[in-house]
Amino acid sequence: MSEPEQQENRGPAMAGLLIAVVLLVVGLWLAHELTAASKMQDCLMSGRTNCNVIEPAR
C-alpha cells in the first residue's frame, strides 16, 4: 500500500476507536451512578434516616 491509501484507511479506524472510548467512559460513569443510587436506596429501605453521603474534609 502506498502512503495515501494508508492515510485513507485510518480515518474510519480512528473514528471507531473514539466511539469505543466514549462508550467505555459513559458506561463506567453510568455504573458508578447506579451503584451510588443502589446504596442510597438500600439505606433508605432499611429504615434509616441519616443516609446522606459524608464527604471527607480536605
N, C-alpha and C. Protein backbone atom coordinates (compact mmCIF):
# COMPACT_ATOMS: atom_id res chain seq x y z
N MET A 1 0.84 -1.19 0.00
CA MET A 1 0.00 0.00 0.00
C MET A 1 0.88 1.24 0.00
N SER A 2 0.44 2.20 -0.71
CA SER A 2 1.18 3.45 -0.70
C SER A 2 0.72 4.31 0.47
N GLU A 3 1.45 5.35 0.73
CA GLU A 3 1.18 6.22 1.89
C GLU A 3 -0.23 6.85 1.84
N PRO A 4 -0.71 7.38 0.71
CA PRO A 4 -2.07 7.96 0.70
C PRO A 4 -3.16 6.94 1.01
N GLU A 5 -3.00 5.69 0.57
CA GLU A 5 -4.01 4.67 0.85
C GLU A 5 -4.06 4.34 2.34
N GLN A 6 -2.91 4.35 2.99
CA GLN A 6 -2.89 4.08 4.43
C GLN A 6 -3.56 5.21 5.19
N GLN A 7 -3.37 6.43 4.78
CA GLN A 7 -4.00 7.58 5.44
C GLN A 7 -5.52 7.51 5.32
N GLU A 8 -6.02 7.07 4.16
CA GLU A 8 -7.47 6.98 3.97
C GLU A 8 -8.08 5.92 4.87
N ASN A 9 -7.37 4.86 5.16
CA ASN A 9 -7.90 3.78 5.98
C ASN A 9 -7.88 4.12 7.46
N ARG A 10 -7.11 5.06 7.89
CA ARG A 10 -7.01 5.39 9.31
C ARG A 10 -8.19 6.20 9.81
N GLY A 11 -8.85 6.95 8.97
CA GLY A 11 -9.97 7.79 9.39
C GLY A 11 -11.09 7.00 10.05
N PRO A 12 -11.66 6.03 9.37
CA PRO A 12 -12.73 5.24 9.99
C PRO A 12 -12.26 4.46 11.21
N ALA A 13 -11.02 4.00 11.19
CA ALA A 13 -10.49 3.25 12.34
C ALA A 13 -10.38 4.17 13.55
N MET A 14 -9.91 5.38 13.35
CA MET A 14 -9.79 6.33 14.46
C MET A 14 -11.17 6.73 14.97
N ALA A 15 -12.12 6.89 14.07
CA ALA A 15 -13.49 7.22 14.49
C ALA A 15 -14.08 6.08 15.32
N GLY A 16 -13.85 4.87 14.90
CA GLY A 16 -14.34 3.71 15.65
C GLY A 16 -13.70 3.62 17.02
N LEU A 17 -12.40 3.89 17.09
CA LEU A 17 -11.71 3.89 18.37
C LEU A 17 -12.25 4.98 19.29
N LEU A 18 -12.49 6.16 18.74
CA LEU A 18 -13.04 7.26 19.54
C LEU A 18 -14.43 6.91 20.07
N ILE A 19 -15.25 6.31 19.25
CA ILE A 19 -16.60 5.91 19.68
C ILE A 19 -16.50 4.85 20.78
N ALA A 20 -15.59 3.91 20.64
CA ALA A 20 -15.43 2.87 21.66
C ALA A 20 -14.98 3.47 22.99
N VAL A 21 -14.07 4.43 22.95
CA VAL A 21 -13.59 5.07 24.18
C VAL A 21 -14.72 5.86 24.84
N VAL A 22 -15.49 6.58 24.05
CA VAL A 22 -16.62 7.35 24.60
C VAL A 22 -17.63 6.40 25.24
N LEU A 23 -17.94 5.30 24.59
CA LEU A 23 -18.89 4.33 25.16
C LEU A 23 -18.35 3.73 26.45
N LEU A 24 -17.05 3.46 26.51
CA LEU A 24 -16.45 2.93 27.73
C LEU A 24 -16.56 3.93 28.87
N VAL A 25 -16.25 5.19 28.62
CA VAL A 25 -16.32 6.21 29.66
C VAL A 25 -17.76 6.40 30.14
N VAL A 26 -18.69 6.45 29.22
CA VAL A 26 -20.11 6.61 29.60
C VAL A 26 -20.58 5.40 30.39
N GLY A 27 -20.16 4.21 30.00
CA GLY A 27 -20.54 3.00 30.72
C GLY A 27 -20.00 2.98 32.14
N LEU A 28 -18.74 3.38 32.30
CA LEU A 28 -18.16 3.43 33.65
C LEU A 28 -18.86 4.47 34.52
N TRP A 29 -19.16 5.63 33.95
CA TRP A 29 -19.87 6.67 34.70
C TRP A 29 -21.26 6.18 35.11
N LEU A 30 -21.95 5.53 34.19
CA LEU A 30 -23.29 5.03 34.48
C LEU A 30 -23.25 3.96 35.57
N ALA A 31 -22.28 3.07 35.51
CA ALA A 31 -22.15 2.04 36.54
C ALA A 31 -21.90 2.66 37.91
N HIS A 32 -21.07 3.69 37.96
CA HIS A 32 -20.79 4.38 39.22
C HIS A 32 -22.05 5.04 39.77
N GLU A 33 -22.79 5.72 38.92
CA GLU A 33 -24.02 6.39 39.36
C GLU A 33 -25.08 5.39 39.83
N LEU A 34 -25.22 4.28 39.12
CA LEU A 34 -26.20 3.28 39.52
C LEU A 34 -25.82 2.62 40.84
N THR A 35 -24.54 2.41 41.06
CA THR A 35 -24.07 1.85 42.33
C THR A 35 -24.38 2.79 43.48
N ALA A 36 -24.12 4.07 43.29
CA ALA A 36 -24.41 5.06 44.33
C ALA A 36 -25.90 5.13 44.63
N ALA A 37 -26.72 5.09 43.60
CA ALA A 37 -28.17 5.13 43.80
C ALA A 37 -28.65 3.88 44.51
N SER A 38 -28.08 2.74 44.17
CA SER A 38 -28.45 1.49 44.82
C SER A 38 -28.11 1.51 46.31
N LYS A 39 -26.93 2.02 46.63
CA LYS A 39 -26.54 2.11 48.05
C LYS A 39 -27.48 3.04 48.81
N MET A 40 -27.88 4.15 48.20
CA MET A 40 -28.80 5.08 48.86
C MET A 40 -30.16 4.42 49.06
N GLN A 41 -30.66 3.71 48.07
CA GLN A 41 -31.94 3.03 48.20
C GLN A 41 -31.89 1.94 49.27
N ASP A 42 -30.79 1.20 49.33
CA ASP A 42 -30.65 0.17 50.36
C ASP A 42 -30.70 0.80 51.75
N CYS A 43 -30.04 1.93 51.91
CA CYS A 43 -30.03 2.61 53.20
C CYS A 43 -31.44 3.08 53.57
N LEU A 44 -32.12 3.70 52.62
CA LEU A 44 -33.46 4.22 52.90
C LEU A 44 -34.46 3.09 53.17
N MET A 45 -34.34 1.99 52.44
CA MET A 45 -35.28 0.89 52.63
C MET A 45 -35.05 0.16 53.94
N SER A 46 -33.87 0.32 54.53
CA SER A 46 -33.63 -0.31 55.82
C SER A 46 -34.21 0.53 56.97
N GLY A 47 -34.80 1.68 56.63
CA GLY A 47 -35.48 2.50 57.63
C GLY A 47 -34.61 3.57 58.26
N ARG A 48 -33.40 3.72 57.79
CA ARG A 48 -32.51 4.72 58.36
C ARG A 48 -32.88 6.10 57.83
N THR A 49 -32.61 7.12 58.62
CA THR A 49 -32.93 8.48 58.21
C THR A 49 -31.68 9.32 57.97
N ASN A 50 -30.51 8.77 58.25
CA ASN A 50 -29.27 9.53 58.07
C ASN A 50 -28.44 8.94 56.93
N CYS A 51 -29.01 8.89 55.76
CA CYS A 51 -28.36 8.24 54.62
C CYS A 51 -27.54 9.21 53.78
N ASN A 52 -27.34 10.43 54.23
CA ASN A 52 -26.57 11.40 53.46
C ASN A 52 -25.13 10.94 53.33
N VAL A 53 -24.55 11.24 52.18
CA VAL A 53 -23.15 10.91 51.95
C VAL A 53 -22.29 11.96 52.64
N ILE A 54 -21.33 11.49 53.42
CA ILE A 54 -20.45 12.40 54.15
C ILE A 54 -19.12 12.45 53.40
N GLU A 55 -18.78 13.63 52.92
CA GLU A 55 -17.53 13.82 52.21
C GLU A 55 -16.41 14.09 53.20
N PRO A 56 -15.27 13.45 53.05
CA PRO A 56 -14.16 13.71 53.97
C PRO A 56 -13.61 15.12 53.80
N ALA A 57 -13.14 15.71 54.90
CA ALA A 57 -12.57 17.05 54.84
C ALA A 57 -11.24 17.00 54.13
N ARG A 58 -10.93 18.03 53.39
CA ARG A 58 -9.66 18.06 52.66
C ARG A 58 -8.67 18.96 53.34
